[in-house]
Structure formats: C-alpha cells, structure tokens
C-alpha cells in the first residue's frame, strides 16, 4: 500500500501546480476585509471599554493581535514577492499573534464573569 502511494506521488512529481487566476485577488480581498473588520472591532472595543469594564478592553487587545496577524501575513507576502530570505524567519512566528489573541480572549472571558464594582 505504501509503495503504491509513493509511486502515485512520484508520477505526479512531473506536474506543476497552477493556482487559479482569481486566487491572488480573492486572497488579498479577504486579507484586507479581515484586517478592516478587526480594526473596527478594536476601535469599538476600546471605546466601549469605559462602559463595559476590563473584559471589553481584553477583547479589544485580542482584536489588535489579529490586526497584527494580518499585517504579519502581508509582510510575509511582500518578502516572498521580493525573493527575500526573510520569509522563513517570519513564517516561523506566523501564529504568535493568534496565540496572543487567544490569551487576551481567555483573560477577557475570565474577567467577564466577575461582577463590575
């Protein structure tokens, strides 16, 4: 079974992958819309933090982390387009802002259960 799978992969090795023509436009549009959406969420979160307490502030910080994640992807794409060796260095830390955003969200949820004084 393993030999058959390896032979199938070897036979496909001669073919080059070709992305659909709309791939770049859809990717960039979704990247821009995601960044804009998280920017709106961060602004709303920080403006509402005065009324709703520290939990809203932590959720806004999570939104800022995801804005930085989108910026990180954009910088990686720019480095890739330039043919820089920086792509692998940046790619190693791709999920660091997602992890920080998750930590901020977890803290926000734990603060949400505490009654506001």
PDB file of N, CA and C in Angstrom:
ATOM      1  N   UNK A   1       0.828  -1.194   0.000  1.00  0.00           N
ATOM      2  CA  UNK A   1       0.000   0.000   0.000  1.00  0.00           C
ATOM      3  C   UNK A   1       0.872   1.257   0.000  1.00  0.00           C
ATOM      4  N   UNK A   2       1.900   1.244   0.850  1.00  0.00           N
ATOM      5  CA  UNK A   2       2.806   2.388   0.920  1.00  0.00           C
ATOM      6  C   UNK A   2       3.557   2.567  -0.391  1.00  0.00           C
ATOM      7  N   UNK A   3       3.963   1.476  -0.992  1.00  0.00           N
ATOM      8  CA  UNK A   3       4.676   1.564  -2.269  1.00  0.00           C
ATOM      9  C   UNK A   3       3.791   2.145  -3.361  1.00  0.00           C
ATOM     10  N   UNK A   4       2.524   1.774  -3.365  1.00  0.00           N
ATOM     11  CA  UNK A   4       1.598   2.314  -4.368  1.00  0.00           C
ATOM     12  C   UNK A   4       1.418   3.816  -4.170  1.00  0.00           C
ATOM     13  N   UNK A   5       1.332   4.266  -2.921  1.00  0.00           N
ATOM     14  CA  UNK A   5       1.198   5.697  -2.644  1.00  0.00           C
ATOM     15  C   UNK A   5       2.438   6.458  -3.082  1.00  0.00           C
ATOM     16  N   UNK A   6       3.617   5.894  -2.801  1.00  0.00           N
ATOM     17  CA  UNK A   6       4.850   6.555  -3.204  1.00  0.00           C
ATOM     18  C   UNK A   6       4.981   6.625  -4.722  1.00  0.00           C
ATOM     19  N   UNK A   7       4.554   5.584  -5.403  1.00  0.00           N
ATOM     20  CA  UNK A   7       4.593   5.606  -6.860  1.00  0.00           C
ATOM     21  C   UNK A   7       3.619   6.632  -7.417  1.00  0.00           C
ATOM     22  N   UNK A   8       2.466   6.791  -6.791  1.00  0.00           N
ATOM     23  CA  UNK A   8       1.493   7.790  -7.247  1.00  0.00           C
ATOM     24  C   UNK A   8       2.050   9.194  -7.065  1.00  0.00           C
ATOM     25  N   UNK A   9       2.728   9.457  -5.938  1.00  0.00           N
ATOM     26  CA  UNK A   9       3.326  10.764  -5.722  1.00  0.00           C
ATOM     27  C   UNK A   9       4.472  11.020  -6.695  1.00  0.00           C
ATOM     28  N   UNK A  10       5.228   9.973  -7.009  1.00  0.00           N
ATOM     29  CA  UNK A  10       6.330  10.125  -7.943  1.00  0.00           C
ATOM     30  C   UNK A  10       5.797  10.442  -9.338  1.00  0.00           C
ATOM     31  N   UNK A  11       4.684   9.842  -9.724  1.00  0.00           N
ATOM     32  CA  UNK A  11       4.103  10.101 -11.037  1.00  0.00           C
ATOM     33  C   UNK A  11       3.593  11.538 -11.118  1.00  0.00           C
ATOM     34  N   UNK A  12       3.123  12.098 -10.012  1.00  0.00           N
ATOM     35  CA  UNK A  12       2.624  13.466 -10.013  1.00  0.00           C
ATOM     36  C   UNK A  12       3.751  14.485  -9.905  1.00  0.00           C
ATOM     37  N   UNK A  13       4.948  14.049  -9.635  1.00  0.00           N
ATOM     38  CA  UNK A  13       6.077  14.954  -9.468  1.00  0.00           C
ATOM     39  C   UNK A  13       6.423  15.728 -10.724  1.00  0.00           C
ATOM     40  N   UNK A  14       6.037  15.214 -11.891  1.00  0.00           N
ATOM     41  CA  UNK A  14       6.343  15.895 -13.137  1.00  0.00           C
ATOM     42  C   UNK A  14       5.377  17.046 -13.409  1.00  0.00           C
ATOM     43  N   UNK A  15       4.226  17.054 -12.750  1.00  0.00           N
ATOM     44  CA  UNK A  15       3.222  18.079 -12.986  1.00  0.00           C
ATOM     45  C   UNK A  15       3.435  19.243 -12.025  1.00  0.00           C
ATOM     46  N   UNK A  16       3.307  20.445 -12.523  1.00  0.00           N
ATOM     47  CA  UNK A  16       3.443  21.637 -11.688  1.00  0.00           C
ATOM     48  C   UNK A  16       2.054  22.121 -11.278  1.00  0.00           C
ATOM     49  N   UNK A  17       1.968  22.581 -10.057  1.00  0.00           N
ATOM     50  CA  UNK A  17       0.700  23.124  -9.573  1.00  0.00           C
ATOM     51  C   UNK A  17       0.476  24.498 -10.165  1.00  0.00           C
ATOM     52  N   UNK A  18      -0.732  24.742 -10.593  1.00  0.00           N
ATOM     53  CA  UNK A  18      -1.078  26.037 -11.159  1.00  0.00           C
ATOM     54  C   UNK A  18      -2.278  26.576 -10.398  1.00  0.00           C
ATOM     55  N   UNK A  19      -2.079  27.691  -9.721  1.00  0.00           N
ATOM     56  CA  UNK A  19      -3.162  28.300  -8.935  1.00  0.00           C
ATOM     57  C   UNK A  19      -4.198  28.900  -9.886  1.00  0.00           C
ATOM     58  N   UNK A  20      -5.463  28.937  -9.451  1.00  0.00           N
ATOM     59  CA  UNK A  20      -6.494  29.582 -10.286  1.00  0.00           C
ATOM     60  C   UNK A  20      -6.176  31.068 -10.478  1.00  0.00           C
ATOM     61  N   UNK A  21      -6.670  31.631 -11.549  1.00  0.00           N
ATOM     62  CA  UNK A  21      -6.355  33.022 -11.875  1.00  0.00           C
ATOM     63  C   UNK A  21      -6.911  34.007 -10.847  1.00  0.00           C
ATOM     64  N   UNK A  22      -7.975  33.641 -10.178  1.00  0.00           N
ATOM     65  CA  UNK A  22      -8.603  34.548  -9.210  1.00  0.00           C
ATOM     66  C   UNK A  22      -7.997  34.428  -7.816  1.00  0.00           C
ATOM     67  N   UNK A  23      -7.042  33.551  -7.598  1.00  0.00           N
ATOM     68  CA  UNK A  23      -6.520  33.275  -6.258  1.00  0.00           C
ATOM     69  C   UNK A  23      -5.955  34.513  -5.577  1.00  0.00           C
ATOM     70  N   UNK A  24      -5.097  35.250  -6.281  1.00  0.00           N
ATOM     71  CA  UNK A  24      -4.455  36.416  -5.670  1.00  0.00           C
ATOM     72  C   UNK A  24      -5.469  37.475  -5.272  1.00  0.00           C
ATOM     73  N   UNK A  25      -6.445  37.729  -6.137  1.00  0.00           N
ATOM     74  CA  UNK A  25      -7.429  38.770  -5.847  1.00  0.00           C
ATOM     75  C   UNK A  25      -8.319  38.392  -4.679  1.00  0.00           C
ATOM     76  N   UNK A  26      -8.743  37.146  -4.625  1.00  0.00           N
ATOM     77  CA  UNK A  26      -9.578  36.697  -3.515  1.00  0.00           C
ATOM     78  C   UNK A  26      -8.787  36.715  -2.213  1.00  0.00           C
ATOM     79  N   UNK A  27      -7.542  36.267  -2.256  1.00  0.00           N
ATOM     80  CA  UNK A  27      -6.703  36.255  -1.066  1.00  0.00           C
ATOM     81  C   UNK A  27      -6.480  37.662  -0.538  1.00  0.00           C
ATOM     82  N   UNK A  28      -6.120  38.599  -1.415  1.00  0.00           N
ATOM     83  CA  UNK A  28      -5.881  39.975  -0.984  1.00  0.00           C
ATOM     84  C   UNK A  28      -7.154  40.658  -0.504  1.00  0.00           C
ATOM     85  N   UNK A  29      -8.275  40.391  -1.156  1.00  0.00           N
ATOM     86  CA  UNK A  29      -9.547  40.985  -0.731  1.00  0.00           C
ATOM     87  C   UNK A  29      -9.952  40.475   0.650  1.00  0.00           C
ATOM     88  N   UNK A  30      -9.828  39.181   0.863  1.00  0.00           N
ATOM     89  CA  UNK A  30     -10.178  38.625   2.174  1.00  0.00           C
ATOM     90  C   UNK A  30      -9.201  39.094   3.259  1.00  0.00           C
ATOM     91  N   UNK A  31      -7.937  39.238   2.920  1.00  0.00           N
ATOM     92  CA  UNK A  31      -6.952  39.752   3.867  1.00  0.00           C
ATOM     93  C   UNK A  31      -7.277  41.190   4.254  1.00  0.00           C
ATOM     94  N   UNK A  32      -7.614  42.017   3.274  1.00  0.00           N
ATOM     95  CA  UNK A  32      -7.963  43.416   3.554  1.00  0.00           C
ATOM     96  C   UNK A  32      -9.259  43.521   4.349  1.00  0.00           C
ATOM     97  N   UNK A  33     -10.264  42.739   3.981  1.00  0.00           N
ATOM     98  CA  UNK A  33     -11.545  42.779   4.712  1.00  0.00           C
ATOM     99  C   UNK A  33     -11.387  42.270   6.139  1.00  0.00           C
ATOM    100  N   UNK A  34     -10.578  41.246   6.331  1.00  0.00           N
ATOM    101  CA  UNK A  34     -10.329  40.747   7.679  1.00  0.00           C
ATOM    102  C   UNK A  34      -9.612  41.767   8.533  1.00  0.00           C
ATOM    103  N   UNK A  35      -8.582  42.410   7.981  1.00  0.00           N
ATOM    104  CA  UNK A  35      -7.864  43.444   8.722  1.00  0.00           C
ATOM    105  C   UNK A  35      -8.757  44.628   9.059  1.00  0.00           C
ATOM    106  N   UNK A  36      -9.591  45.047   8.103  1.00  0.00           N
ATOM    107  CA  UNK A  36     -10.512  46.154   8.347  1.00  0.00           C
ATOM    108  C   UNK A  36     -11.561  45.783   9.393  1.00  0.00           C
ATOM    109  N   UNK A  37     -12.058  44.573   9.329  1.00  0.00           N
ATOM    110  CA  UNK A  37     -13.039  44.117  10.320  1.00  0.00           C
ATOM    111  C   UNK A  37     -12.466  44.090  11.728  1.00  0.00           C
ATOM    112  N   UNK A  38     -11.231  43.596  11.866  1.00  0.00           N
ATOM    113  CA  UNK A  38     -10.609  43.569  13.190  1.00  0.00           C
ATOM    114  C   UNK A  38     -10.257  44.978  13.666  1.00  0.00           C
ATOM    115  N   UNK A  39      -9.964  45.883  12.736  1.00  0.00           N
ATOM    116  CA  UNK A  39      -9.711  47.272  13.115  1.00  0.00           C
ATOM    117  C   UNK A  39     -10.978  47.906  13.687  1.00  0.00           C
ATOM    118  N   UNK A  40     -12.111  47.665  13.050  1.00  0.00           N
ATOM    119  CA  UNK A  40     -13.389  48.166  13.565  1.00  0.00           C
ATOM    120  C   UNK A  40     -13.689  47.552  14.929  1.00  0.00           C
ATOM    121  N   UNK A  41     -13.428  46.257  15.076  1.00  0.00           N
ATOM    122  CA  UNK A  41     -13.667  45.590  16.362  1.00  0.00           C
ATOM    123  C   UNK A  41     -12.774  46.167  17.454  1.00  0.00           C
ATOM    124  N   UNK A  42     -11.522  46.472  17.133  1.00  0.00           N
ATOM    125  CA  UNK A  42     -10.613  47.043  18.132  1.00  0.00           C
ATOM    126  C   UNK A  42     -11.061  48.439  18.543  1.00  0.00           C
ATOM    127  N   UNK A  43     -11.444  49.260  17.579  1.00  0.00           N
ATOM    128  CA  UNK A  43     -11.890  50.621  17.897  1.00  0.00           C
ATOM    129  C   UNK A  43     -13.158  50.584  18.738  1.00  0.00           C
ATOM    130  N   UNK A  44     -14.108  49.757  18.344  1.00  0.00           N
ATOM    131  CA  UNK A  44     -15.338  49.637  19.138  1.00  0.00           C
ATOM    132  C   UNK A  44     -15.060  49.078  20.524  1.00  0.00           C
ATOM    133  N   UNK A  45     -14.145  48.136  20.614  1.00  0.00           N
ATOM    134  CA  UNK A  45     -13.815  47.546  21.913  1.00  0.00           C
ATOM    135  C   UNK A  45     -13.192  48.544  22.859  1.00  0.00           C
ATOM    136  N   UNK A  46     -12.266  49.363  22.355  1.00  0.00           N
ATOM    137  CA  UNK A  46     -11.626  50.343  23.229  1.00  0.00           C
ATOM    138  C   UNK A  46     -12.573  51.477  23.602  1.00  0.00           C
ATOM    139  N   UNK A  47     -13.477  51.861  22.697  1.00  0.00           N
ATOM    140  CA  UNK A  47     -14.419  52.921  23.051  1.00  0.00           C
ATOM    141  C   UNK A  47     -15.484  52.427  24.026  1.00  0.00           C
ATOM    142  N   UNK A  48     -15.837  51.170  23.951  1.00  0.00           N
ATOM    143  CA  UNK A  48     -16.855  50.627  24.864  1.00  0.00           C
ATOM    144  C   UNK A  48     -16.268  50.103  26.170  1.00  0.00           C
ATOM    145  N   UNK A  49     -14.944  50.083  26.268  1.00  0.00           N
ATOM    146  CA  UNK A  49     -14.308  49.540  27.474  1.00  0.00           C
ATOM    147  C   UNK A  49     -14.613  50.388  28.702  1.00  0.00           C
ATOM    148  N   UNK A  50     -14.850  51.674  28.525  1.00  0.00           N
ATOM    149  CA  UNK A  50     -15.191  52.528  29.672  1.00  0.00           C
ATOM    150  C   UNK A  50     -16.513  52.116  30.300  1.00  0.00           C
ATOM    151  N   UNK A  51     -17.438  51.690  29.463  1.00  0.00           N
ATOM    152  CA  UNK A  51     -18.773  51.332  29.955  1.00  0.00           C
ATOM    153  C   UNK A  51     -18.814  49.887  30.439  1.00  0.00           C
ATOM    154  N   UNK A  52     -18.211  48.980  29.695  1.00  0.00           N
ATOM    155  CA  UNK A  52     -18.354  47.560  29.979  1.00  0.00           C
ATOM    156  C   UNK A  52     -17.225  46.962  30.806  1.00  0.00           C
ATOM    157  N   UNK A  53     -16.224  47.740  31.152  1.00  0.00           N
ATOM    158  CA  UNK A  53     -15.184  47.246  32.045  1.00  0.00           C
ATOM    159  C   UNK A  53     -13.988  46.650  31.333  1.00  0.00           C
ATOM    160  N   UNK A  54     -13.169  45.968  32.135  1.00  0.00           N
ATOM    161  CA  UNK A  54     -11.885  45.475  31.627  1.00  0.00           C
ATOM    162  C   UNK A  54     -12.026  44.318  30.636  1.00  0.00           C
ATOM    163  N   UNK A  55     -13.129  43.593  30.676  1.00  0.00           N
ATOM    164  CA  UNK A  55     -13.277  42.473  29.732  1.00  0.00           C
ATOM    165  C   UNK A  55     -13.329  42.984  28.295  1.00  0.00           C
ATOM    166  N   UNK A  56     -14.003  44.091  28.070  1.00  0.00           N
ATOM    167  CA  UNK A  56     -14.055  44.655  26.717  1.00  0.00           C
ATOM    168  C   UNK A  56     -12.668  45.108  26.263  1.00  0.00           C
ATOM    169  N   UNK A  57     -11.867  45.582  27.200  1.00  0.00           N
ATOM    170  CA  UNK A  57     -10.506  46.003  26.865  1.00  0.00           C
ATOM    171  C   UNK A  57      -9.664  44.796  26.430  1.00  0.00           C
ATOM    172  N   UNK A  58      -9.837  43.677  27.106  1.00  0.00           N
ATOM    173  CA  UNK A  58      -9.088  42.480  26.720  1.00  0.00           C
ATOM    174  C   UNK A  58      -9.526  41.959  25.363  1.00  0.00           C
ATOM    175  N   UNK A  59     -10.831  42.041  25.065  1.00  0.00           N
ATOM    176  CA  UNK A  59     -11.304  41.629  23.743  1.00  0.00           C
ATOM    177  C   UNK A  59     -10.769  42.566  22.664  1.00  0.00           C
ATOM    178  N   UNK A  60     -10.658  43.849  22.983  1.00  0.00           N
ATOM    179  CA  UNK A  60     -10.087  44.797  22.031  1.00  0.00           C
ATOM    180  C   UNK A  60      -8.605  44.502  21.805  1.00  0.00           C
ATOM    181  N   UNK A  61      -7.897  44.126  22.851  1.00  0.00           N
ATOM    182  CA  UNK A  61      -6.491  43.739  22.692  1.00  0.00           C
ATOM    183  C   UNK A  61      -6.358  42.491  21.819  1.00  0.00           C
ATOM    184  N   UNK A  62      -7.301  41.571  21.949  1.00  0.00           N
ATOM    185  CA  UNK A  62      -7.295  40.388  21.082  1.00  0.00           C
ATOM    186  C   UNK A  62      -7.507  40.802  19.624  1.00  0.00           C
ATOM    187  N   UNK A  63      -8.371  41.789  19.399  1.00  0.00           N
ATOM    188  CA  UNK A  63      -8.587  42.286  18.036  1.00  0.00           C
ATOM    189  C   UNK A  63      -7.317  42.938  17.489  1.00  0.00           C
ATOM    190  N   UNK A  64      -6.595  43.661  18.341  1.00  0.00           N
ATOM    191  CA  UNK A  64      -5.325  44.264  17.915  1.00  0.00           C
ATOM    192  C   UNK A  64      -4.318  43.177  17.553  1.00  0.00           C
ATOM    193  N   UNK A  65      -4.288  42.092  18.313  1.00  0.00           N
ATOM    194  CA  UNK A  65      -3.389  40.975  17.989  1.00  0.00           C
ATOM    195  C   UNK A  65      -3.720  40.392  16.619  1.00  0.00           C
ATOM    196  N   UNK A  66      -4.995  40.317  16.291  1.00  0.00           N
ATOM    197  CA  UNK A  66      -5.357  39.760  14.990  1.00  0.00           C
ATOM    198  C   UNK A  66      -5.105  40.756  13.862  1.00  0.00           C
ATOM    199  N   UNK A  67      -5.134  42.051  14.160  1.00  0.00           N
ATOM    200  CA  UNK A  67      -4.697  43.036  13.165  1.00  0.00           C
ATOM    201  C   UNK A  67      -3.211  42.825  12.872  1.00  0.00           C
ATOM    202  N   UNK A  68      -2.434  42.615  13.926  1.00  0.00           N
ATOM    203  CA  UNK A  68      -1.001  42.362  13.749  1.00  0.00           C
ATOM    204  C   UNK A  68      -0.752  41.062  12.988  1.00  0.00           C
ATOM    205  N   UNK A  69      -1.621  40.071  13.183  1.00  0.00           N
ATOM    206  CA  UNK A  69      -1.523  38.818  12.419  1.00  0.00           C
ATOM    207  C   UNK A  69      -1.721  39.088  10.924  1.00  0.00           C
ATOM    208  N   UNK A  70      -2.725  39.905  10.596  1.00  0.00           N
ATOM    209  CA  UNK A  70      -2.959  40.239   9.190  1.00  0.00           C
ATOM    210  C   UNK A  70      -1.780  41.031   8.617  1.00  0.00           C
ATOM    211  N   UNK A  71      -1.231  41.926   9.399  1.00  0.00           N
ATOM    212  CA  UNK A  71      -0.062  42.689   8.960  1.00  0.00           C
ATOM    213  C   UNK A  71       1.139  41.767   8.753  1.00  0.00           C
ATOM    214  N   UNK A  72       1.271  40.779   9.618  1.00  0.00           N
ATOM    215  CA  UNK A  72       2.358  39.795   9.514  1.00  0.00           C
ATOM    216  C   UNK A  72       2.247  39.019   8.196  1.00  0.00           C
ATOM    217  N   UNK A  73       1.049  38.601   7.850  1.00  0.00           N
ATOM    218  CA  UNK A  73       0.844  37.880   6.584  1.00  0.00           C
ATOM    219  C   UNK A  73       1.174  38.785   5.399  1.00  0.00           C
ATOM    220  N   UNK A  74       0.772  40.051   5.487  1.00  0.00           N
ATOM    221  CA  UNK A  74       1.066  40.997   4.407  1.00  0.00           C
ATOM    222  C   UNK A  74       2.571  41.182   4.231  1.00  0.00           C
ATOM    223  N   UNK A  75       3.291  41.331   5.330  1.00  0.00           N
ATOM    224  CA  UNK A  75       4.751  41.498   5.267  1.00  0.00           C
ATOM    225  C   UNK A  75       5.408  40.235   4.719  1.00  0.00           C
ATOM    226  N   UNK A  76       4.898  39.065   5.116  1.00  0.00           N
ATOM    227  CA  UNK A  76       5.443  37.813   4.566  1.00  0.00           C
ATOM    228  C   UNK A  76       5.235  37.736   3.060  1.00  0.00           C
ATOM    229  N   UNK A  77       4.063  38.137   2.595  1.00  0.00           N
ATOM    230  CA  UNK A  77       3.801  38.143   1.159  1.00  0.00           C
ATOM    231  C   UNK A  77       4.700  39.111   0.417  1.00  0.00           C
ATOM    232  N   UNK A  78       4.933  40.276   1.012  1.00  0.00           N
ATOM    233  CA  UNK A  78       5.832  41.249   0.399  1.00  0.00           C
ATOM    234  C   UNK A  78       7.254  40.705   0.332  1.00  0.00           C
ATOM    235  N   UNK A  79       7.698  40.056   1.409  1.00  0.00           N
ATOM    236  CA  UNK A  79       9.043  39.478   1.419  1.00  0.00           C
ATOM    237  C   UNK A  79       9.153  38.346   0.400  1.00  0.00           C
ATOM    238  N   UNK A  80       8.094  37.581   0.257  1.00  0.00           N
ATOM    239  CA  UNK A  80       8.090  36.497  -0.734  1.00  0.00           C
ATOM    240  C   UNK A  80       8.160  37.060  -2.153  1.00  0.00           C
ATOM    241  N   UNK A  81       7.437  38.155  -2.402  1.00  0.00           N
ATOM    242  CA  UNK A  81       7.450  38.772  -3.725  1.00  0.00           C
ATOM    243  C   UNK A  81       8.822  39.361  -4.052  1.00  0.00           C
ATOM    244  N   UNK A  82       9.536  39.806  -3.032  1.00  0.00           N
ATOM    245  CA  UNK A  82      10.870  40.366  -3.240  1.00  0.00           C
ATOM    246  C   UNK A  82      11.941  39.288  -3.347  1.00  0.00           C
ATOM    247  N   UNK A  83      11.588  38.051  -3.037  1.00  0.00           N
ATOM    248  CA  UNK A  83      12.540  36.953  -3.090  1.00  0.00           C
ATOM    249  C   UNK A  83      13.505  36.975  -1.917  1.00  0.00           C
ATOM    250  N   UNK A  84      13.058  37.500  -0.806  1.00  0.00           N
ATOM    251  CA  UNK A  84      13.916  37.643   0.365  1.00  0.00           C
ATOM    252  C   UNK A  84      13.989  36.344   1.158  1.00  0.00           C
ATOM    253  N   UNK A  85      15.090  36.173   1.879  1.00  0.00           N
ATOM    254  CA  UNK A  85      15.233  35.028   2.777  1.00  0.00           C
ATOM    255  C   UNK A  85      14.480  35.250   4.084  1.00  0.00           C
ATOM    256  N   UNK A  86      13.874  36.395   4.236  1.00  0.00           N
ATOM    257  CA  UNK A  86      13.145  36.752   5.446  1.00  0.00           C
ATOM    258  C   UNK A  86      11.846  35.957   5.605  1.00  0.00           C
ATOM    259  N   UNK A  87      11.386  35.336   4.523  1.00  0.00           N
ATOM    260  CA  UNK A  87      10.095  34.634   4.553  1.00  0.00           C
ATOM    261  C   UNK A  87      10.092  33.513   5.576  1.00  0.00           C
ATOM    262  N   UNK A  88      11.126  32.703   5.609  1.00  0.00           N
ATOM    263  CA  UNK A  88      11.161  31.600   6.570  1.00  0.00           C
ATOM    264  C   UNK A  88      11.310  32.107   7.996  1.00  0.00           C
ATOM    265  N   UNK A  89      12.051  33.188   8.176  1.00  0.00           N
ATOM    266  CA  UNK A  89      12.192  33.758   9.513  1.00  0.00           C
ATOM    267  C   UNK A  89      10.853  34.277  10.023  1.00  0.00           C
ATOM    268  N   UNK A  90      10.109  34.939   9.155  1.00  0.00           N
ATOM    269  CA  UNK A  90       8.795  35.448   9.546  1.00  0.00           C
ATOM    270  C   UNK A  90       7.779  34.316   9.674  1.00  0.00           C
ATOM    271  N   UNK A  91       7.904  33.316   8.823  1.00  0.00           N
ATOM    272  CA  UNK A  91       6.960  32.203   8.847  1.00  0.00           C
ATOM    273  C   UNK A  91       7.034  31.380  10.116  1.00  0.00           C
ATOM    274  N   UNK A  92       8.187  31.376  10.742  1.00  0.00           N
ATOM    275  CA  UNK A  92       8.321  30.622  11.988  1.00  0.00           C
ATOM    276  C   UNK A  92       7.444  31.202  13.087  1.00  0.00           C
ATOM    277  N   UNK A  93       7.192  32.495  13.027  1.00  0.00           N
ATOM    278  CA  UNK A  93       6.387  33.172  14.046  1.00  0.00           C
ATOM    279  C   UNK A  93       5.001  33.531  13.537  1.00  0.00           C
ATOM    280  N   UNK A  94       4.492  32.781  12.589  1.00  0.00           N
ATOM    281  CA  UNK A  94       3.215  33.115  11.959  1.00  0.00           C
ATOM    282  C   UNK A  94       2.065  33.138  12.963  1.00  0.00           C
ATOM    283  N   UNK A  95       2.020  32.186  13.854  1.00  0.00           N
ATOM    284  CA  UNK A  95       0.869  32.084  14.761  1.00  0.00           C
ATOM    285  C   UNK A  95       1.073  32.761  16.101  1.00  0.00           C
ATOM    286  N   UNK A  96       2.135  33.518  16.284  1.00  0.00           N
ATOM    287  CA  UNK A  96       2.377  34.138  17.584  1.00  0.00           C
ATOM    288  C   UNK A  96       1.274  35.136  17.932  1.00  0.00           C
ATOM    289  N   UNK A  97       0.770  35.886  16.956  1.00  0.00           N
ATOM    290  CA  UNK A  97      -0.277  36.861  17.249  1.00  0.00           C
ATOM    291  C   UNK A  97      -1.626  36.183  17.464  1.00  0.00           C
ATOM    292  N   UNK A  98      -1.832  35.041  16.843  1.00  0.00           N
ATOM    293  CA  UNK A  98      -3.064  34.282  17.096  1.00  0.00           C
ATOM    294  C   UNK A  98      -3.054  33.745  18.521  1.00  0.00           C
ATOM    295  N   UNK A  99      -1.901  33.256  18.973  1.00  0.00           N
ATOM    296  CA  UNK A  99      -1.780  32.755  20.344  1.00  0.00           C
ATOM    297  C   UNK A  99      -1.974  33.890  21.347  1.00  0.00           C
ATOM    298  N   UNK A 100      -1.351  35.044  21.091  1.00  0.00           N
ATOM    299  CA  UNK A 100      -1.539  36.194  21.985  1.00  0.00           C
ATOM    300  C   UNK A 100      -2.993  36.653  22.002  1.00  0.00           C
ATOM    301  N   UNK A 101      -3.643  36.636  20.841  1.00  0.00           N
ATOM    302  CA  UNK A 101      -5.062  36.983  20.784  1.00  0.00           C
ATOM    303  C   UNK A 101      -5.923  36.005  21.561  1.00  0.00           C
ATOM    304  N   UNK A 102      -5.577  34.732  21.503  1.00  0.00           N
ATOM    305  CA  UNK A 102      -6.317  33.724  22.270  1.00  0.00           C
ATOM    306  C   UNK A 102      -6.138  33.938  23.763  1.00  0.00           C
ATOM    307  N   UNK A 103      -4.915  34.275  24.182  1.00  0.00           N
ATOM    308  CA  UNK A 103      -4.663  34.542  25.605  1.00  0.00           C
ATOM    309  C   UNK A 103      -5.470  35.758  26.060  1.00  0.00           C
ATOM    310  N   UNK A 104      -5.479  36.814  25.253  1.00  0.00           N
ATOM    311  CA  UNK A 104      -6.261  38.004  25.598  1.00  0.00           C
ATOM    312  C   UNK A 104      -7.754  37.693  25.673  1.00  0.00           C
ATOM    313  N   UNK A 105      -8.234  36.856  24.773  1.00  0.00           N
ATOM    314  CA  UNK A 105      -9.650  36.476  24.793  1.00  0.00           C
ATOM    315  C   UNK A 105      -9.978  35.641  26.027  1.00  0.00           C
ATOM    316  N   UNK A 106      -9.105  34.737  26.394  1.00  0.00           N
ATOM    317  CA  UNK A 106      -9.323  33.922  27.591  1.00  0.00           C
ATOM    318  C   UNK A 106      -9.363  34.811  28.828  1.00  0.00           C
ATOM    319  N   UNK A 107      -8.436  35.749  28.916  1.00  0.00           N
ATOM    320  CA  UNK A 107      -8.457  36.672  30.052  1.00  0.00           C
ATOM    321  C   UNK A 107      -9.726  37.510  30.032  1.00  0.00           C
ATOM    322  N   UNK A 108     -10.147  37.933  28.840  1.00  0.00           N
ATOM    323  CA  UNK A 108     -11.392  38.698  28.726  1.00  0.00           C
ATOM    324  C   UNK A 108     -12.595  37.912  29.198  1.00  0.00           C
ATOM    325  N   UNK A 109     -12.661  36.644  28.862  1.00  0.00           N
ATOM    326  CA  UNK A 109     -13.783  35.822  29.318  1.00  0.00           C
ATOM    327  C   UNK A 109     -13.743  35.590  30.827  1.00  0.00           C
ATOM    328  N   UNK A 110     -12.544  35.450  31.381  1.00  0.00           N
ATOM    329  CA  UNK A 110     -12.484  35.271  32.838  1.00  0.00           C
ATOM    330  C   UNK A 110     -12.866  36.556  33.556  1.00  0.00           C
ATOM    331  N   UNK A 111     -12.540  37.694  32.998  1.00  0.00           N
ATOM    332  CA  UNK A 111     -12.939  38.979  33.596  1.00  0.00           C
ATOM    333  C   UNK A 111     -14.420  39.254  33.401  1.00  0.00           C
ATOM    334  N   UNK A 112     -14.997  38.643  32.376  1.00  0.00           N
ATOM    335  CA  UNK A 112     -16.416  38.851  32.081  1.00  0.00           C
ATOM    336  C   UNK A 112     -17.298  38.247  33.150  1.00  0.00           C
ATOM    337  N   UNK A 113     -16.841  37.195  33.799  1.00  0.00           N
ATOM    338  CA  UNK A 113     -17.659  36.543  34.821  1.00  0.00           C
ATOM    339  C   UNK A 113     -17.614  37.310  36.142  1.00  0.00           C
ATOM    340  N   UNK A 114     -16.589  38.144  36.343  1.00  0.00           N
ATOM    341  CA  UNK A 114     -16.526  38.928  37.574  1.00  0.00           C
ATOM    342  C   UNK A 114     -17.490  40.092  37.502  1.00  0.00           C
ATOM    343  N   UNK A 115     -18.292  40.306  38.533  1.00  0.00           N
ATOM    344  CA  UNK A 115     -19.193  41.461  38.514  1.00  0.00           C
ATOM    345  C   UNK A 115     -18.388  42.752  38.603  1.00  0.00           C
ATOM    346  N   UNK A 116     -18.857  43.749  37.888  1.00  0.00           N
ATOM    347  CA  UNK A 116     -18.161  45.037  37.873  1.00  0.00           C
ATOM    348  C   UNK A 116     -18.494  45.811  39.135  1.00  0.00           C
ATOM    349  N   UNK A 117     -17.464  46.362  39.806  1.00  0.00           N
ATOM    350  CA  UNK A 117     -17.732  47.108  41.058  1.00  0.00           C
ATOM    351  C   UNK A 117     -18.432  48.417  40.821  1.00  0.00           C
TER     352      UNK A 117
END
